[in-house]
Amino acid sequence: PDTYKAQLWYAETNTPVMQKKDELRLKGFGFNWSH
């Protein structure tokens, strides 16, 4: 593509993936997280 951006996933609280937080072993929020 002419341009691209690869950006760090931002762990936002009110998003569908957070419903699986425990299953994904997701900890942290914003730009500071682990799963």
PDB file of all heavy atoms in Angstrom:
ATOM      1  N   PRO A   1       0.853  -1.195   0.000  1.00  0.00           N
ATOM      2  CA  PRO A   1       0.000   0.000   0.000  1.00  0.00           C
ATOM      3  C   PRO A   1       0.883   1.238   0.000  1.00  0.00           C
ATOM      4  O   PRO A   1       2.053   1.176   0.396  1.00  0.00           O
ATOM      5  CB  PRO A   1      -0.786  -0.136   1.311  1.00  0.00           C
ATOM      6  CG  PRO A   1       0.077  -1.003   2.180  1.00  0.00           C
ATOM      7  CD  PRO A   1       0.734  -1.968   1.245  1.00  0.00           C
ATOM      8  N   ASP A   2       0.357   2.364  -0.425  1.00  0.00           N
ATOM      9  CA  ASP A   2       1.171   3.579  -0.501  1.00  0.00           C
ATOM     10  C   ASP A   2       1.767   3.929   0.857  1.00  0.00           C
ATOM     11  O   ASP A   2       2.938   4.281   0.960  1.00  0.00           O
ATOM     12  CB  ASP A   2       0.332   4.747  -1.016  1.00  0.00           C
ATOM     13  CG  ASP A   2      -0.074   4.551  -2.463  1.00  0.00           C
ATOM     14  OD1 ASP A   2       0.825   4.502  -3.316  1.00  0.00           O
ATOM     15  OD2 ASP A   2      -1.278   4.454  -2.738  1.00  0.00           O
ATOM     16  N   THR A   3       0.932   3.867   1.905  1.00  0.00           N
ATOM     17  CA  THR A   3       1.407   4.108   3.264  1.00  0.00           C
ATOM     18  C   THR A   3       0.805   3.047   4.185  1.00  0.00           C
ATOM     19  O   THR A   3      -0.181   2.374   3.839  1.00  0.00           O
ATOM     20  CB  THR A   3       1.020   5.506   3.793  1.00  0.00           C
ATOM     21  OG1 THR A   3      -0.396   5.622   3.826  1.00  0.00           O
ATOM     22  CG2 THR A   3       1.607   6.609   2.934  1.00  0.00           C
ATOM     23  N   TYR A   4       1.397   2.925   5.355  1.00  0.00           N
ATOM     24  CA  TYR A   4       0.887   1.988   6.350  1.00  0.00           C
ATOM     25  C   TYR A   4       1.219   2.531   7.729  1.00  0.00           C
ATOM     26  O   TYR A   4       2.038   3.434   7.896  1.00  0.00           O
ATOM     27  CB  TYR A   4       1.516   0.605   6.175  1.00  0.00           C
ATOM     28  CG  TYR A   4       2.916   0.507   6.760  1.00  0.00           C
ATOM     29  CD1 TYR A   4       3.130  -0.055   8.017  1.00  0.00           C
ATOM     30  CD2 TYR A   4       4.011   1.019   6.079  1.00  0.00           C
ATOM     31  CE1 TYR A   4       4.402  -0.106   8.569  1.00  0.00           C
ATOM     32  CE2 TYR A   4       5.283   0.970   6.617  1.00  0.00           C
ATOM     33  CZ  TYR A   4       5.478   0.408   7.873  1.00  0.00           C
ATOM     34  OH  TYR A   4       6.738   0.371   8.416  1.00  0.00           O
ATOM     35  N   LYS A   5       0.565   1.992   8.718  1.00  0.00           N
ATOM     36  CA  LYS A   5       1.002   2.198  10.093  1.00  0.00           C
ATOM     37  C   LYS A   5       0.768   0.912  10.871  1.00  0.00           C
ATOM     38  O   LYS A   5      -0.318   0.329  10.811  1.00  0.00           O
ATOM     39  CB  LYS A   5       0.257   3.342  10.786  1.00  0.00           C
ATOM     40  CG  LYS A   5       0.829   3.560  12.201  1.00  0.00           C
ATOM     41  CD  LYS A   5       0.278   4.762  12.918  1.00  0.00           C
ATOM     42  CE  LYS A   5       0.991   4.893  14.275  1.00  0.00           C
ATOM     43  NZ  LYS A   5       0.472   6.026  15.075  1.00  0.00           N
ATOM     44  N   ALA A   6       1.786   0.479  11.587  1.00  0.00           N
ATOM     45  CA  ALA A   6       1.670  -0.625  12.533  1.00  0.00           C
ATOM     46  C   ALA A   6       1.680   0.008  13.910  1.00  0.00           C
ATOM     47  O   ALA A   6       2.665   0.628  14.301  1.00  0.00           O
ATOM     48  CB  ALA A   6       2.837  -1.598  12.368  1.00  0.00           C
ATOM     49  N   GLN A   7       0.572  -0.102  14.637  1.00  0.00           N
ATOM     50  CA  GLN A   7       0.491   0.551  15.930  1.00  0.00           C
ATOM     51  C   GLN A   7       0.161  -0.445  17.032  1.00  0.00           C
ATOM     52  O   GLN A   7      -0.462  -1.481  16.808  1.00  0.00           O
ATOM     53  CB  GLN A   7      -0.543   1.671  15.902  1.00  0.00           C
ATOM     54  CG  GLN A   7      -1.957   1.241  15.619  1.00  0.00           C
ATOM     55  CD  GLN A   7      -2.872   2.441  15.445  1.00  0.00           C
ATOM     56  OE1 GLN A   7      -2.839   3.130  14.413  1.00  0.00           O
ATOM     57  NE2 GLN A   7      -3.691   2.708  16.453  1.00  0.00           N
ATOM     58  N   LEU A   8       0.609  -0.112  18.213  1.00  0.00           N
ATOM     59  CA  LEU A   8       0.424  -0.963  19.374  1.00  0.00           C
ATOM     60  C   LEU A   8      -1.056  -1.042  19.735  1.00  0.00           C
ATOM     61  O   LEU A   8      -1.752  -0.029  19.760  1.00  0.00           O
ATOM     62  CB  LEU A   8       1.229  -0.384  20.541  1.00  0.00           C
ATOM     63  CG  LEU A   8       1.384  -1.223  21.809  1.00  0.00           C
ATOM     64  CD1 LEU A   8       2.161  -2.501  21.517  1.00  0.00           C
ATOM     65  CD2 LEU A   8       2.099  -0.405  22.889  1.00  0.00           C
ATOM     66  N   TRP A   9      -1.522  -2.259  19.992  1.00  0.00           N
ATOM     67  CA  TRP A   9      -2.911  -2.419  20.436  1.00  0.00           C
ATOM     68  C   TRP A   9      -3.122  -1.655  21.732  1.00  0.00           C
ATOM     69  O   TRP A   9      -2.300  -1.694  22.643  1.00  0.00           O
ATOM     70  CB  TRP A   9      -3.236  -3.895  20.655  1.00  0.00           C
ATOM     71  CG  TRP A   9      -4.604  -4.107  21.268  1.00  0.00           C
ATOM     72  CD1 TRP A   9      -5.785  -3.660  20.774  1.00  0.00           C
ATOM     73  CD2 TRP A   9      -4.904  -4.790  22.493  1.00  0.00           C
ATOM     74  NE1 TRP A   9      -6.822  -4.026  21.613  1.00  0.00           N
ATOM     75  CE2 TRP A   9      -6.306  -4.719  22.670  1.00  0.00           C
ATOM     76  CE3 TRP A   9      -4.134  -5.458  23.440  1.00  0.00           C
ATOM     77  CZ2 TRP A   9      -6.957  -5.295  23.765  1.00  0.00           C
ATOM     78  CZ3 TRP A   9      -4.767  -6.037  24.532  1.00  0.00           C
ATOM     79  CH2 TRP A   9      -6.155  -5.942  24.694  1.00  0.00           C
ATOM     80  N   TYR A  10      -4.238  -0.925  21.795  1.00  0.00           N
ATOM     81  CA  TYR A  10      -4.606  -0.151  22.974  1.00  0.00           C
ATOM     82  C   TYR A  10      -5.729  -0.890  23.687  1.00  0.00           C
ATOM     83  O   TYR A  10      -6.811  -1.071  23.136  1.00  0.00           O
ATOM     84  CB  TYR A  10      -5.062   1.252  22.565  1.00  0.00           C
ATOM     85  CG  TYR A  10      -5.314   2.179  23.731  1.00  0.00           C
ATOM     86  CD1 TYR A  10      -4.265   2.917  24.284  1.00  0.00           C
ATOM     87  CD2 TYR A  10      -6.584   2.321  24.276  1.00  0.00           C
ATOM     88  CE1 TYR A  10      -4.487   3.776  25.350  1.00  0.00           C
ATOM     89  CE2 TYR A  10      -6.820   3.181  25.344  1.00  0.00           C
ATOM     90  CZ  TYR A  10      -5.757   3.895  25.879  1.00  0.00           C
ATOM     91  OH  TYR A  10      -5.994   4.741  26.945  1.00  0.00           O
ATOM     92  N   ALA A  11      -5.471  -1.347  24.894  1.00  0.00           N
ATOM     93  CA  ALA A  11      -6.453  -2.117  25.666  1.00  0.00           C
ATOM     94  C   ALA A  11      -7.468  -1.169  26.288  1.00  0.00           C
ATOM     95  O   ALA A  11      -7.230  -0.601  27.353  1.00  0.00           O
ATOM     96  CB  ALA A  11      -5.744  -2.944  26.732  1.00  0.00           C
ATOM     97  N   GLU A  12      -8.589  -1.007  25.598  1.00  0.00           N
ATOM     98  CA  GLU A  12      -9.632  -0.088  26.046  1.00  0.00           C
ATOM     99  C   GLU A  12     -10.682  -0.859  26.848  1.00  0.00           C
ATOM    100  O   GLU A  12     -11.101  -1.958  26.464  1.00  0.00           O
ATOM    101  CB  GLU A  12     -10.277   0.590  24.836  1.00  0.00           C
ATOM    102  CG  GLU A  12     -11.192   1.731  25.178  1.00  0.00           C
ATOM    103  CD  GLU A  12     -11.719   2.412  23.933  1.00  0.00           C
ATOM    104  OE1 GLU A  12     -11.184   2.169  22.838  1.00  0.00           O
ATOM    105  OE2 GLU A  12     -12.691   3.186  24.057  1.00  0.00           O
ATOM    106  N   THR A  13     -11.114  -0.278  27.929  1.00  0.00           N
ATOM    107  CA  THR A  13     -11.981  -0.980  28.883  1.00  0.00           C
ATOM    108  C   THR A  13     -13.291  -1.435  28.276  1.00  0.00           C
ATOM    109  O   THR A  13     -13.676  -2.601  28.382  1.00  0.00           O
ATOM    110  CB  THR A  13     -12.274  -0.074  30.096  1.00  0.00           C
ATOM    111  OG1 THR A  13     -11.032   0.334  30.668  1.00  0.00           O
ATOM    112  CG2 THR A  13     -13.092  -0.818  31.137  1.00  0.00           C
ATOM    113  N   ASN A  14     -14.002  -0.555  27.612  1.00  0.00           N
ATOM    114  CA  ASN A  14     -15.363  -0.836  27.174  1.00  0.00           C
ATOM    115  C   ASN A  14     -15.409  -1.415  25.761  1.00  0.00           C
ATOM    116  O   ASN A  14     -16.126  -0.930  24.892  1.00  0.00           O
ATOM    117  CB  ASN A  14     -16.198   0.449  27.250  1.00  0.00           C
ATOM    118  CG  ASN A  14     -17.681   0.185  27.165  1.00  0.00           C
ATOM    119  OD1 ASN A  14     -18.146  -0.860  27.614  1.00  0.00           O
ATOM    120  ND2 ASN A  14     -18.423   1.112  26.576  1.00  0.00           N
ATOM    121  N   THR A  15     -14.623  -2.481  25.530  1.00  0.00           N
ATOM    122  CA  THR A  15     -14.589  -3.120  24.218  1.00  0.00           C
ATOM    123  C   THR A  15     -14.994  -4.588  24.361  1.00  0.00           C
ATOM    124  O   THR A  15     -14.838  -5.188  25.431  1.00  0.00           O
ATOM    125  CB  THR A  15     -13.182  -3.035  23.598  1.00  0.00           C
ATOM    126  OG1 THR A  15     -12.216  -3.527  24.536  1.00  0.00           O
ATOM    127  CG2 THR A  15     -12.826  -1.603  23.239  1.00  0.00           C
ATOM    128  N   PRO A  16     -15.517  -5.199  23.289  1.00  0.00           N
ATOM    129  CA  PRO A  16     -15.991  -6.587  23.382  1.00  0.00           C
ATOM    130  C   PRO A  16     -14.945  -7.579  23.874  1.00  0.00           C
ATOM    131  O   PRO A  16     -15.282  -8.524  24.591  1.00  0.00           O
ATOM    132  CB  PRO A  16     -16.412  -6.893  21.937  1.00  0.00           C
ATOM    133  CG  PRO A  16     -16.839  -5.571  21.388  1.00  0.00           C
ATOM    134  CD  PRO A  16     -15.884  -4.581  21.996  1.00  0.00           C
ATOM    135  N   VAL A  17     -13.666  -7.378  23.516  1.00  0.00           N
ATOM    136  CA  VAL A  17     -12.653  -8.351  23.916  1.00  0.00           C
ATOM    137  C   VAL A  17     -12.520  -8.431  25.431  1.00  0.00           C
ATOM    138  O   VAL A  17     -12.123  -9.467  25.982  1.00  0.00           O
ATOM    139  CB  VAL A  17     -11.290  -8.014  23.263  1.00  0.00           C
ATOM    140  CG1 VAL A  17     -10.691  -6.746  23.878  1.00  0.00           C
ATOM    141  CG2 VAL A  17     -10.314  -9.181  23.393  1.00  0.00           C
ATOM    142  N   MET A  18     -12.859  -7.344  26.130  1.00  0.00           N
ATOM    143  CA  MET A  18     -12.729  -7.341  27.585  1.00  0.00           C
ATOM    144  C   MET A  18     -13.693  -8.303  28.267  1.00  0.00           C
ATOM    145  O   MET A  18     -13.519  -8.638  29.437  1.00  0.00           O
ATOM    146  CB  MET A  18     -12.932  -5.923  28.125  1.00  0.00           C
ATOM    147  CG  MET A  18     -11.795  -4.970  27.785  1.00  0.00           C
ATOM    148  SD  MET A  18     -10.231  -5.563  28.463  1.00  0.00           S
ATOM    149  CE  MET A  18      -9.090  -4.311  27.863  1.00  0.00           C
ATOM    150  N   GLN A  19     -14.716  -8.747  27.542  1.00  0.00           N
ATOM    151  CA  GLN A  19     -15.622  -9.744  28.097  1.00  0.00           C
ATOM    152  C   GLN A  19     -14.937 -11.096  28.257  1.00  0.00           C
ATOM    153  O   GLN A  19     -15.423 -11.966  28.992  1.00  0.00           O
ATOM    154  CB  GLN A  19     -16.851  -9.872  27.201  1.00  0.00           C
ATOM    155  CG  GLN A  19     -17.677  -8.592  27.103  1.00  0.00           C
ATOM    156  CD  GLN A  19     -18.804  -8.700  26.103  1.00  0.00           C
ATOM    157  OE1 GLN A  19     -19.121  -9.789  25.600  1.00  0.00           O
ATOM    158  NE2 GLN A  19     -19.442  -7.570  25.787  1.00  0.00           N
ATOM    159  N   LYS A  20     -13.804 -11.281  27.554  1.00  0.00           N
ATOM    160  CA  LYS A  20     -13.039 -12.523  27.656  1.00  0.00           C
ATOM    161  C   LYS A  20     -11.727 -12.315  28.426  1.00  0.00           C
ATOM    162  O   LYS A  20     -10.765 -13.057  28.253  1.00  0.00           O
ATOM    163  CB  LYS A  20     -12.720 -13.048  26.255  1.00  0.00           C
ATOM    164  CG  LYS A  20     -13.940 -13.374  25.416  1.00  0.00           C
ATOM    165  CD  LYS A  20     -13.523 -13.895  24.041  1.00  0.00           C
ATOM    166  CE  LYS A  20     -14.735 -14.256  23.203  1.00  0.00           C
ATOM    167  NZ  LYS A  20     -14.325 -14.755  21.852  1.00  0.00           N
ATOM    168  N   LYS A  21     -11.700 -11.295  29.247  1.00  0.00           N
ATOM    169  CA  LYS A  21     -10.487 -10.897  29.942  1.00  0.00           C
ATOM    170  C   LYS A  21      -9.848 -12.042  30.722  1.00  0.00           C
ATOM    171  O   LYS A  21      -8.641 -12.290  30.628  1.00  0.00           O
ATOM    172  CB  LYS A  21     -10.820  -9.730  30.883  1.00  0.00           C
ATOM    173  CG  LYS A  21      -9.628  -9.084  31.533  1.00  0.00           C
ATOM    174  CD  LYS A  21     -10.075  -7.858  32.326  1.00  0.00           C
ATOM    175  CE  LYS A  21      -8.869  -7.172  32.970  1.00  0.00           C
ATOM    176  NZ  LYS A  21      -9.289  -5.972  33.731  1.00  0.00           N
ATOM    177  N   ASP A  22     -10.644 -12.751  31.493  1.00  0.00           N
ATOM    178  CA  ASP A  22     -10.098 -13.849  32.307  1.00  0.00           C
ATOM    179  C   ASP A  22      -9.624 -14.999  31.432  1.00  0.00           C
ATOM    180  O   ASP A  22      -8.549 -15.567  31.660  1.00  0.00           O
ATOM    181  CB  ASP A  22     -11.162 -14.337  33.295  1.00  0.00           C
ATOM    182  CG  ASP A  22     -11.511 -13.286  34.338  1.00  0.00           C
ATOM    183  OD1 ASP A  22     -10.670 -12.398  34.578  1.00  0.00           O
ATOM    184  OD2 ASP A  22     -12.618 -13.352  34.906  1.00  0.00           O
ATOM    185  N   GLU A  23     -10.412 -15.341  30.424  1.00  0.00           N
ATOM    186  CA  GLU A  23     -10.054 -16.427  29.517  1.00  0.00           C
ATOM    187  C   GLU A  23      -8.732 -16.138  28.805  1.00  0.00           C
ATOM    188  O   GLU A  23      -7.907 -17.047  28.587  1.00  0.00           O
ATOM    189  CB  GLU A  23     -11.170 -16.603  28.494  1.00  0.00           C
ATOM    190  CG  GLU A  23     -10.889 -17.615  27.406  1.00  0.00           C
ATOM    191  CD  GLU A  23     -11.952 -17.598  26.323  1.00  0.00           C
ATOM    192  OE1 GLU A  23     -13.077 -17.133  26.594  1.00  0.00           O
ATOM    193  OE2 GLU A  23     -11.652 -18.038  25.194  1.00  0.00           O
ATOM    194  N   LEU A  24      -8.496 -14.875  28.452  1.00  0.00           N
ATOM    195  CA  LEU A  24      -7.284 -14.482  27.716  1.00  0.00           C
ATOM    196  C   LEU A  24      -6.122 -14.130  28.639  1.00  0.00           C
ATOM    197  O   LEU A  24      -5.049 -13.771  28.160  1.00  0.00           O
ATOM    198  CB  LEU A  24      -7.601 -13.277  26.816  1.00  0.00           C
ATOM    199  CG  LEU A  24      -8.680 -13.501  25.750  1.00  0.00           C
ATOM    200  CD1 LEU A  24      -9.037 -12.185  25.076  1.00  0.00           C
ATOM    201  CD2 LEU A  24      -8.216 -14.520  24.719  1.00  0.00           C
ATOM    202  N   ARG A  25      -6.363 -14.219  29.942  1.00  0.00           N
ATOM    203  CA  ARG A  25      -5.379 -13.828  30.962  1.00  0.00           C
ATOM    204  C   ARG A  25      -4.872 -12.404  30.698  1.00  0.00           C
ATOM    205  O   ARG A  25      -3.680 -12.118  30.752  1.00  0.00           O
ATOM    206  CB  ARG A  25      -4.215 -14.821  31.023  1.00  0.00           C
ATOM    207  CG  ARG A  25      -4.644 -16.246  31.336  1.00  0.00           C
ATOM    208  CD  ARG A  25      -3.498 -17.124  31.809  1.00  0.00           C
ATOM    209  NE  ARG A  25      -2.437 -17.278  30.831  1.00  0.00           N
ATOM    210  CZ  ARG A  25      -2.446 -18.171  29.843  1.00  0.00           C
ATOM    211  NH1 ARG A  25      -3.473 -18.982  29.698  1.00  0.00           N
ATOM    212  NH2 ARG A  25      -1.425 -18.272  29.009  1.00  0.00           N
ATOM    213  N   LEU A  26      -5.805 -11.549  30.386  1.00  0.00           N
ATOM    214  CA  LEU A  26      -5.496 -10.170  30.035  1.00  0.00           C
ATOM    215  C   LEU A  26      -5.377  -9.301  31.281  1.00  0.00           C
ATOM    216  O   LEU A  26      -6.302  -9.225  32.097  1.00  0.00           O
ATOM    217  CB  LEU A  26      -6.592  -9.628  29.113  1.00  0.00           C
ATOM    218  CG  LEU A  26      -6.498  -8.173  28.654  1.00  0.00           C
ATOM    219  CD1 LEU A  26      -5.171  -7.884  27.975  1.00  0.00           C
ATOM    220  CD2 LEU A  26      -7.653  -7.853  27.708  1.00  0.00           C
ATOM    221  N   LYS A  27      -4.247  -8.662  31.412  1.00  0.00           N
ATOM    222  CA  LYS A  27      -3.997  -7.767  32.541  1.00  0.00           C
ATOM    223  C   LYS A  27      -3.525  -6.409  32.014  1.00  0.00           C
ATOM    224  O   LYS A  27      -2.904  -6.327  30.960  1.00  0.00           O
ATOM    225  CB  LYS A  27      -2.932  -8.364  33.469  1.00  0.00           C
ATOM    226  CG  LYS A  27      -3.317  -9.701  34.080  1.00  0.00           C
ATOM    227  CD  LYS A  27      -2.186 -10.249  34.943  1.00  0.00           C
ATOM    228  CE  LYS A  27      -2.576 -11.603  35.540  1.00  0.00           C
ATOM    229  NZ  LYS A  27      -1.478 -12.161  36.361  1.00  0.00           N
ATOM    230  N   GLY A  28      -3.802  -5.353  32.799  1.00  0.00           N
ATOM    231  CA  GLY A  28      -3.381  -4.017  32.412  1.00  0.00           C
ATOM    232  C   GLY A  28      -4.402  -3.341  31.515  1.00  0.00           C
ATOM    233  O   GLY A  28      -5.473  -3.876  31.230  1.00  0.00           O
ATOM    234  N   PHE A  29      -4.055  -2.148  31.049  1.00  0.00           N
ATOM    235  CA  PHE A  29      -4.939  -1.379  30.185  1.00  0.00           C
ATOM    236  C   PHE A  29      -4.102  -0.371  29.410  1.00  0.00           C
ATOM    237  O   PHE A  29      -2.909  -0.189  29.662  1.00  0.00           O
ATOM    238  CB  PHE A  29      -6.037  -0.671  30.994  1.00  0.00           C
ATOM    239  CG  PHE A  29      -5.497   0.311  32.001  1.00  0.00           C
ATOM    240  CD1 PHE A  29      -5.318   1.647  31.678  1.00  0.00           C
ATOM    241  CD2 PHE A  29      -5.156  -0.114  33.278  1.00  0.00           C
ATOM    242  CE1 PHE A  29      -4.807   2.543  32.595  1.00  0.00           C
ATOM    243  CE2 PHE A  29      -4.639   0.785  34.211  1.00  0.00           C
ATOM    244  CZ  PHE A  29      -4.464   2.115  33.873  1.00  0.00           C
ATOM    245  N   GLY A  30      -4.751   0.316  28.468  1.00  0.00           N
ATOM    246  CA  GLY A  30      -4.038   1.300  27.659  1.00  0.00           C
ATOM    247  C   GLY A  30      -2.918   0.648  26.862  1.00  0.00           C
ATOM    248  O   GLY A  30      -3.108  -0.396  26.222  1.00  0.00           O
ATOM    249  N   PHE A  31      -1.738   1.262  26.920  1.00  0.00           N
ATOM    250  CA  PHE A  31      -0.575   0.738  26.201  1.00  0.00           C
ATOM    251  C   PHE A  31       0.288  -0.178  27.076  1.00  0.00           C
ATOM    252  O   PHE A  31       1.376  -0.582  26.662  1.00  0.00           O
ATOM    253  CB  PHE A  31       0.288   1.892  25.693  1.00  0.00           C
ATOM    254  CG  PHE A  31      -0.272   2.602  24.491  1.00  0.00           C
ATOM    255  CD1 PHE A  31      -0.500   3.966  24.518  1.00  0.00           C
ATOM    256  CD2 PHE A  31      -0.567   1.907  23.323  1.00  0.00           C
ATOM    257  CE1 PHE A  31      -0.999   4.635  23.406  1.00  0.00           C
ATOM    258  CE2 PHE A  31      -1.064   2.559  22.211  1.00  0.00           C
ATOM    259  CZ  PHE A  31      -1.288   3.924  22.259  1.00  0.00           C
ATOM    260  N   ASN A  32      -0.173  -0.486  28.281  1.00  0.00           N
ATOM    261  CA  ASN A  32       0.600  -1.329  29.198  1.00  0.00           C
ATOM    262  C   ASN A  32      -0.230  -2.553  29.551  1.00  0.00           C
ATOM    263  O   ASN A  32      -1.116  -2.499  30.397  1.00  0.00           O
ATOM    264  CB  ASN A  32       0.964  -0.531  30.454  1.00  0.00           C
ATOM    265  CG  ASN A  32       1.869  -1.318  31.387  1.00  0.00           C
ATOM    266  OD1 ASN A  32       2.525  -2.269  30.975  1.00  0.00           O
ATOM    267  ND2 ASN A  32       1.878  -0.935  32.646  1.00  0.00           N
ATOM    268  N   TRP A  33       0.049  -3.691  28.918  1.00  0.00           N
ATOM    269  CA  TRP A  33      -0.783  -4.868  29.091  1.00  0.00           C
ATOM    270  C   TRP A  33       0.003  -6.155  28.850  1.00  0.00           C
ATOM    271  O   TRP A  33       1.119  -6.138  28.318  1.00  0.00           O
ATOM    272  CB  TRP A  33      -1.980  -4.822  28.114  1.00  0.00           C
ATOM    273  CG  TRP A  33      -1.605  -4.452  26.698  1.00  0.00           C
ATOM    274  CD1 TRP A  33      -1.723  -3.234  26.110  1.00  0.00           C
ATOM    275  CD2 TRP A  33      -1.000  -5.310  25.701  1.00  0.00           C
ATOM    276  NE1 TRP A  33      -1.258  -3.264  24.827  1.00  0.00           N
ATOM    277  CE2 TRP A  33      -0.810  -4.521  24.539  1.00  0.00           C
ATOM    278  CE3 TRP A  33      -0.621  -6.644  25.674  1.00  0.00           C
ATOM    279  CZ2 TRP A  33      -0.245  -5.046  23.376  1.00  0.00           C
ATOM    280  CZ3 TRP A  33      -0.054  -7.175  24.517  1.00  0.00           C
ATOM    281  CH2 TRP A  33       0.125  -6.373  23.381  1.00  0.00           C
ATOM    282  N   SER A  34      -0.602  -7.249  29.230  1.00  0.00           N
ATOM    283  CA  SER A  34      -0.078  -8.580  28.891  1.00  0.00           C
ATOM    284  C   SER A  34      -1.283  -9.512  28.755  1.00  0.00           C
ATOM    285  O   SER A  34      -2.329  -9.288  29.364  1.00  0.00           O
ATOM    286  CB  SER A  34       0.875  -9.098  29.970  1.00  0.00           C
ATOM    287  OG  SER A  34       0.188  -9.301  31.194  1.00  0.00           O
ATOM    288  N   HIS A  35      -1.122 -10.545  27.924  1.00  0.00           N
ATOM    289  CA  HIS A  35      -2.170 -11.562  27.804  1.00  0.00           C
ATOM    290  C   HIS A  35      -1.528 -12.905  27.498  1.00  0.00           C
ATOM    291  O   HIS A  35      -0.296 -13.050  27.623  1.00  0.00           O
ATOM    292  CB  HIS A  35      -3.224 -11.164  26.757  1.00  0.00           C
ATOM    293  CG  HIS A  35      -2.667 -10.781  25.414  1.00  0.00           C
ATOM    294  ND1 HIS A  35      -1.996 -11.651  24.582  1.00  0.00           N
ATOM    295  CD2 HIS A  35      -2.688  -9.594  24.744  1.00  0.00           C
ATOM    296  CE1 HIS A  35      -1.646 -11.048  23.466  1.00  0.00           C
ATOM    297  NE2 HIS A  35      -2.049  -9.783  23.534  1.00  0.00           N
TER     298      HIS A  35
END
